[in-house]
Structures are given as structure tokens and as C-alpha cells.
C-alpha atoms as a PDB file:
ATOM      1  CA  MET A   1       2.354  54.305  22.313  1.00  0.00           C
ATOM      2  CA  LYS A   2       0.730  54.365  18.868  1.00  0.00           C
ATOM      3  CA  PRO A   3       3.753  52.712  17.181  1.00  0.00           C
ATOM      4  CA  ILE A   4       3.647  49.850  19.696  1.00  0.00           C
ATOM      5  CA  ILE A   5      -0.084  49.258  19.165  1.00  0.00           C
ATOM      6  CA  LEU A   6       0.352  49.482  15.393  1.00  0.00           C
ATOM      7  CA  PHE A   7       3.247  47.029  15.565  1.00  0.00           C
ATOM      8  CA  LEU A   8       1.270  44.524  17.677  1.00  0.00           C
ATOM      9  CA  PHE A   9      -1.752  44.860  15.371  1.00  0.00           C
ATOM     10  CA  SER A  10       0.468  44.223  12.328  1.00  0.00           C
ATOM     11  CA  MET A  11       2.013  41.153  13.944  1.00  0.00           C
ATOM     12  CA  ALA A  12      -1.441  39.730  14.773  1.00  0.00           C
ATOM     13  CA  ILE A  13      -2.581  40.121  11.145  1.00  0.00           C
ATOM     14  CA  LEU A  14       0.666  38.611   9.824  1.00  0.00           C
ATOM     15  CA  ALA A  15       0.368  35.606  12.158  1.00  0.00           C
ATOM     16  CA  ASP A  16      -3.184  35.019  10.945  1.00  0.00           C
ATOM     17  CA  VAL A  17      -2.108  35.144   7.280  1.00  0.00           C
ATOM     18  CA  GLN A  18       0.735  32.662   7.844  1.00  0.00           C
ATOM     19  CA  GLY A  19      -1.645  30.304   9.669  1.00  0.00           C
ATOM     20  CA  GLN A  20      -3.631  29.831   6.477  1.00  0.00           C
ATOM     21  CA  LEU A  21      -0.688  28.464   4.500  1.00  0.00           C
ATOM     22  CA  LYS A  22      -0.528  24.692   4.481  1.00  0.00           C
ATOM     23  CA  THR A  23       2.036  22.534   2.751  1.00  0.00           C
ATOM     24  CA  THR A  24       1.037  19.666   0.487  1.00  0.00           C
ATOM     25  CA  VAL A  25       2.212  16.274   1.652  1.00  0.00           C
ATOM     26  CA  LYS A  26       4.538  14.829  -1.013  1.00  0.00           C
ATOM     27  CA  CYS A  27       4.369  11.096  -1.265  1.00  0.00           C
ATOM     28  CA  PRO A  28       7.352   9.194  -2.620  1.00  0.00           C
ATOM     29  CA  ASP A  29       6.892   7.012  -5.679  1.00  0.00           C
ATOM     30  CA  PHE A  30       5.812   3.466  -4.900  1.00  0.00           C
ATOM     31  CA  HIS A  31       8.272   0.730  -5.878  1.00  0.00           C
ATOM     32  CA  ILE A  32       7.247  -2.853  -5.132  1.00  0.00           C
ATOM     33  CA  ASP A  33       9.963  -5.506  -4.912  1.00  0.00           C
ATOM     34  CA  ILE A  34       7.965  -8.684  -5.531  1.00  0.00           C
ATOM     35  CA  LEU A  35      10.752 -11.137  -4.616  1.00  0.00           C
ATOM     36  CA  ALA A  36      11.687  -9.293  -1.406  1.00  0.00           C
ATOM     37  CA  GLY A  37       8.076  -8.570  -0.466  1.00  0.00           C
ATOM     38  CA  SER A  38       8.665  -4.880   0.178  1.00  0.00           C
ATOM     39  CA  VAL A  39       7.427  -1.439  -0.744  1.00  0.00           C
ATOM     40  CA  ASN A  40      10.205   1.143  -1.172  1.00  0.00           C
ATOM     41  CA  LYS A  41      12.640  -1.304   0.487  1.00  0.00           C
ATOM     42  CA  ASP A  42      11.458  -0.512   4.026  1.00  0.00           C
ATOM     43  CA  ILE A  43       7.749  -1.366   4.257  1.00  0.00           C
ATOM     44  CA  PHE A  44       6.785  -5.036   4.518  1.00  0.00           C
ATOM     45  CA  PRO A  45       3.349  -6.674   4.837  1.00  0.00           C
ATOM     46  CA  ASN A  46       3.804  -7.024   8.602  1.00  0.00           C
ATOM     47  CA  ALA A  47       4.572  -3.304   9.084  1.00  0.00           C
ATOM     48  CA  THR A  48       2.569  -1.383  11.634  1.00  0.00           C
ATOM     49  CA  MET A  49       0.098   1.334  10.757  1.00  0.00           C
ATOM     50  CA  GLY A  50       2.477   3.917  12.242  1.00  0.00           C
ATOM     51  CA  GLN A  51       5.420   2.748  10.117  1.00  0.00           C
ATOM     52  CA  ILE A  52       3.372   2.906   6.925  1.00  0.00           C
ATOM     53  CA  LYS A  53       1.984   6.376   7.669  1.00  0.00           C
ATOM     54  CA  LEU A  54       5.474   7.644   8.546  1.00  0.00           C
ATOM     55  CA  HIS A  55       7.114   6.435   5.319  1.00  0.00           C
ATOM     56  CA  LEU A  56       4.111   7.018   3.036  1.00  0.00           C
ATOM     57  CA  PRO A  57       2.221  10.021   4.491  1.00  0.00           C
ATOM     58  CA  CYS A  58      -0.170  10.633   1.577  1.00  0.00           C
ATOM     59  CA  PHE A  59      -2.760   7.954   2.422  1.00  0.00           C
ATOM     60  CA  THR A  60      -6.343   8.536   1.278  1.00  0.00           C
ATOM     61  CA  GLY A  61      -8.009   6.372   3.893  1.00  0.00           C
ATOM     62  CA  ILE A  62      -7.398   4.585   7.142  1.00  0.00           C
ATOM     63  CA  GLU A  63      -9.269   1.954   9.110  1.00  0.00           C
ATOM     64  CA  LYS A  64      -8.377   1.576  12.769  1.00  0.00           C
ATOM     65  CA  GLU A  65      -7.329  -1.877  13.879  1.00  0.00           C
ATOM     66  CA  GLY A  66      -9.767  -3.756  16.074  1.00  0.00           C
ATOM     67  CA  ASP A  67     -12.633  -6.212  16.195  1.00  0.00           C
ATOM     68  CA  SER A  68     -15.126  -3.652  14.903  1.00  0.00           C
ATOM     69  CA  SER A  69     -13.182  -2.971  11.704  1.00  0.00           C
ATOM     70  CA  LYS A  70     -14.228  -4.847   8.573  1.00  0.00           C
ATOM     71  CA  CYS A  71     -10.780  -6.108   7.566  1.00  0.00           C
ATOM     72  CA  GLY A  72      -8.814  -5.777  10.781  1.00  0.00           C
ATOM     73  CA  GLY A  73      -7.505  -2.302   9.988  1.00  0.00           C
ATOM     74  CA  GLY A  74      -5.379  -0.798   7.281  1.00  0.00           C
ATOM     75  CA  VAL A  75      -3.863   2.147   5.467  1.00  0.00           C
ATOM     76  CA  PHE A  76      -5.201   2.800   1.977  1.00  0.00           C
ATOM     77  CA  TYR A  77      -3.931   4.687  -1.075  1.00  0.00           C
ATOM     78  CA  LYS A  78      -6.976   4.569  -3.365  1.00  0.00           C
ATOM     79  CA  ASP A  79      -5.509   7.077  -5.813  1.00  0.00           C
ATOM     80  CA  LYS A  80      -2.518   4.747  -6.324  1.00  0.00           C
ATOM     81  CA  ASP A  81      -4.560   1.497  -6.057  1.00  0.00           C
ATOM     82  CA  ILE A  82      -2.501  -0.021  -3.216  1.00  0.00           C
ATOM     83  CA  TYR A  83      -3.850  -1.155   0.157  1.00  0.00           C
ATOM     84  CA  PHE A  84      -2.026  -2.193   3.337  1.00  0.00           C
ATOM     85  CA  TYR A  85      -4.014  -4.525   5.620  1.00  0.00           C
ATOM     86  CA  THR A  86      -1.990  -4.147   8.801  1.00  0.00           C
ATOM     87  CA  ASN A  87      -3.745  -6.601  11.123  1.00  0.00           C
ATOM     88  CA  ARG A  88      -3.873  -9.316   8.466  1.00  0.00           C
ATOM     89  CA  HIS A  89      -0.295  -8.676   7.290  1.00  0.00           C
ATOM     90  CA  TYR A  90      -0.800  -8.358   3.567  1.00  0.00           C
ATOM     91  CA  ILE A  91      -0.572  -5.773   0.815  1.00  0.00           C
ATOM     92  CA  GLU A  92      -2.933  -5.621  -2.153  1.00  0.00           C
ATOM     93  CA  ILE A  93      -2.163  -4.004  -5.499  1.00  0.00           C
ATOM     94  CA  GLY A  94      -4.974  -3.324  -7.951  1.00  0.00           C
ATOM     95  CA  PRO A  95      -4.990  -3.033 -11.747  1.00  0.00           C
ATOM     96  CA  ALA A  96      -4.741   0.791 -11.668  1.00  0.00           C
ATOM     97  CA  PHE A  97      -1.576   0.739  -9.524  1.00  0.00           C
ATOM     98  CA  LYS A  98       0.526   3.866  -9.935  1.00  0.00           C
ATOM     99  CA  GLY A  99       4.087   2.848  -9.259  1.00  0.00           C
ATOM    100  CA  THR A 100       6.668   0.323 -10.411  1.00  0.00           C
ATOM    101  CA  LEU A 101       6.991  -3.411  -9.916  1.00  0.00           C
ATOM    102  CA  SER A 102      10.373  -5.171  -9.821  1.00  0.00           C
ATOM    103  CA  ILE A 103       8.842  -7.905 -11.982  1.00  0.00           C
ATOM    104  CA  PRO A 104       6.262  -6.742 -14.555  1.00  0.00           C
ATOM    105  CA  LEU A 105       3.449  -8.937 -13.231  1.00  0.00           C
ATOM    106  CA  MET A 106       0.468  -6.622 -13.762  1.00  0.00           C
ATOM    107  CA  GLY A 107      -1.087  -7.598 -17.079  1.00  0.00           C
ATOM    108  CA  ALA A 108       1.307 -10.527 -17.547  1.00  0.00           C
ATOM    109  CA  PRO A 109      -0.194 -13.691 -19.068  1.00  0.00           C
ATOM    110  CA  ARG A 110      -0.743 -16.597 -16.703  1.00  0.00           C
ATOM    111  CA  ASN A 111       1.373 -18.946 -18.809  1.00  0.00           C
ATOM    112  CA  GLY A 112       4.367 -16.546 -18.747  1.00  0.00           C
ATOM    113  CA  LEU A 113       5.007 -16.418 -14.984  1.00  0.00           C
ATOM    114  CA  PHE A 114       7.105 -19.569 -14.526  1.00  0.00           C
ATOM    115  CA  LYS A 115      10.345 -17.831 -15.547  1.00  0.00           C
ATOM    116  CA  TRP A 116      10.016 -15.447 -12.572  1.00  0.00           C
ATOM    117  CA  LEU A 117       8.088 -17.391  -9.950  1.00  0.00           C
ATOM    118  CA  GLY A 118       8.308 -21.085 -10.756  1.00  0.00           C
ATOM    119  CA  ASP A 119       5.301 -23.344 -10.234  1.00  0.00           C
ATOM    120  CA  PRO A 120       2.469 -22.146  -8.006  1.00  0.00           C
ATOM    121  CA  GLN A 121       1.985 -23.794  -4.631  1.00  0.00           C
ATOM    122  CA  ILE A 122      -1.813 -23.646  -5.061  1.00  0.00           C
ATOM    123  CA  LYS A 123      -3.761 -23.250  -8.323  1.00  0.00           C
ATOM    124  CA  ASP A 124      -7.344 -22.143  -8.760  1.00  0.00           C
ATOM    125  CA  VAL A 125      -9.406 -21.174 -11.793  1.00  0.00           C
ATOM    126  CA  HIS A 126      -9.042 -17.444 -11.019  1.00  0.00           C
ATOM    127  CA  TRP A 127      -5.799 -17.243  -9.005  1.00  0.00           C
ATOM    128  CA  ASP A 128      -2.442 -18.834  -8.219  1.00  0.00           C
ATOM    129  CA  ALA A 129      -0.542 -18.751  -4.926  1.00  0.00           C
ATOM    130  CA  PHE A 130       3.265 -18.875  -4.937  1.00  0.00           C
ATOM    131  CA  GLN A 131       5.499 -19.698  -1.982  1.00  0.00           C
ATOM    132  CA  THR A 132       8.104 -16.951  -1.429  1.00  0.00           C
ATOM    133  CA  SER A 133      11.007 -16.427   0.957  1.00  0.00           C
ATOM    134  CA  TYR A 134       8.899 -13.971   2.993  1.00  0.00           C
ATOM    135  CA  GLY A 135       5.530 -15.779   2.832  1.00  0.00           C
ATOM    136  CA  ILE A 136       3.035 -15.977   0.001  1.00  0.00           C
ATOM    137  CA  LEU A 137       2.289 -14.181  -3.279  1.00  0.00           C
ATOM    138  CA  ILE A 138      -1.213 -14.472  -4.746  1.00  0.00           C
ATOM    139  CA  LEU A 139      -1.934 -13.456  -8.328  1.00  0.00           C
ATOM    140  CA  TYR A 140      -5.502 -13.013  -9.601  1.00  0.00           C
ATOM    141  CA  TYR A 141      -6.424 -13.289 -13.268  1.00  0.00           C
ATOM    142  CA  ASN A 142      -9.035 -11.588 -15.429  1.00  0.00           C
ATOM    143  CA  ASN A 143     -11.067 -13.298 -18.172  1.00  0.00           C
ATOM    144  CA  ALA A 144      -8.119 -12.975 -20.572  1.00  0.00           C
ATOM    145  CA  SER A 145      -5.906 -14.934 -18.080  1.00  0.00           C
ATOM    146  CA  LYS A 146      -3.773 -11.883 -17.327  1.00  0.00           C
ATOM    147  CA  VAL A 147      -2.783 -10.690 -13.857  1.00  0.00           C
ATOM    148  CA  ASP A 148      -5.116  -7.945 -12.622  1.00  0.00           C
ATOM    149  CA  LYS A 149      -4.578  -8.067  -8.849  1.00  0.00           C
ATOM    150  CA  ILE A 150      -1.592  -8.906  -6.643  1.00  0.00           C
ATOM    151  CA  GLN A 151      -1.551  -9.739  -2.945  1.00  0.00           C
ATOM    152  CA  PHE A 152       1.551 -10.560  -0.935  1.00  0.00           C
ATOM    153  CA  SER A 153       1.909 -11.457   2.715  1.00  0.00           C
ATOM    154  CA  THR A 154       4.298 -12.564   5.416  1.00  0.00           C
ATOM    155  CA  GLU A 155       1.736 -15.253   6.263  1.00  0.00           C
ATOM    156  CA  ASN A 156       1.629 -18.642   4.531  1.00  0.00           C
ATOM    157  CA  SER A 157      -1.194 -20.392   2.675  1.00  0.00           C
ATOM    158  CA  ASN A 158      -2.497 -21.969   5.912  1.00  0.00           C
ATOM    159  CA  THR A 159      -2.571 -18.814   8.024  1.00  0.00           C
ATOM    160  CA  ILE A 160      -3.418 -15.959   5.643  1.00  0.00           C
ATOM    161  CA  ARG A 161      -6.784 -14.233   6.223  1.00  0.00           C
ATOM    162  CA  LEU A 162      -7.834 -12.153   3.242  1.00  0.00           C
ATOM    163  CA  CYS A 163     -10.491  -9.456   3.310  1.00  0.00           C
ATOM    164  CA  ASP A 164     -13.530 -10.207   1.161  1.00  0.00           C
END
């Protein structure tokens, strides 16, 4: 009888010890294809929250979709400076983005973009919007006229709703 009790006691302690071990979620590297409008070839600006979380499980923040949410909902990777606004169908890349871009736009001078993107559809003092095969690409410029923020969407210039 004692060996059985000792065995069960040992198993209970072992189960408790194993329950404390947790694996770290490994996120794949982020690769943005600017001309295709994709992240890692399978996430597009119109992807659902579930699709994004499945393919990129290391998100640092999430905002549920709905009327009460500030920007319509999204999945955020603050440590990598990339944000997916799922209800508004656009992706935003900040100046501290940790990943690769198919075209080296971040930090590129405003007057050097024609060779990759052609003429902008809409020009402003601080940004340009380019028509793409998937929708729209918006590039924002700093005081030195270099790209410091990128947004791309499956929407067009008439239907896009950006978060302020």
C-alpha cells in the first residue's frame, strides 16, 4: 500500500512541476512585399484578426473589432513597429520596423521613389499616396523629406479610413 501512495504522491508533484513550464512563442521574421501588399506572403491588409494571430502569434496588443474600439480593431506588434487595422483593412509600418521590406522605402528620399512606384496618385506636403494593384500605398515623410511611415491597404483613396 505504501508504494502505491508514494507513487501517486510522486506523480502529483511531477505533474505540478511540469505545469509550470511554458514555451515562448516564436514569431517568424516579418517580410513586407510592398508591390504585392503582403506580409510574409500570406497576410494581406484585409486579413481577419484570427488569420493574423494564427500566422503571427507574438502580438503585443489587440483591440477587439466593434463600434466601441478607437480604430475599428486591430492586432499590434509594438516591439516590431507594425500594426494591423483589421476593420479598416490597412497595415501601418513605423520608423522602428524590425523586419525586411521588398523595396527599401523606409528612410528613402522623397525624390528617389519614382523608379519603384511611379508618380503618386495624390500628393500632400507630408505624404504621397500611390495607386497599387491591390489598393493604395501611403508614404509619410519627415522634415528631411525621407520616408518615416508606411501604410498600405486594399481600399482605394476614396474609401480608406485611417486611424488618427
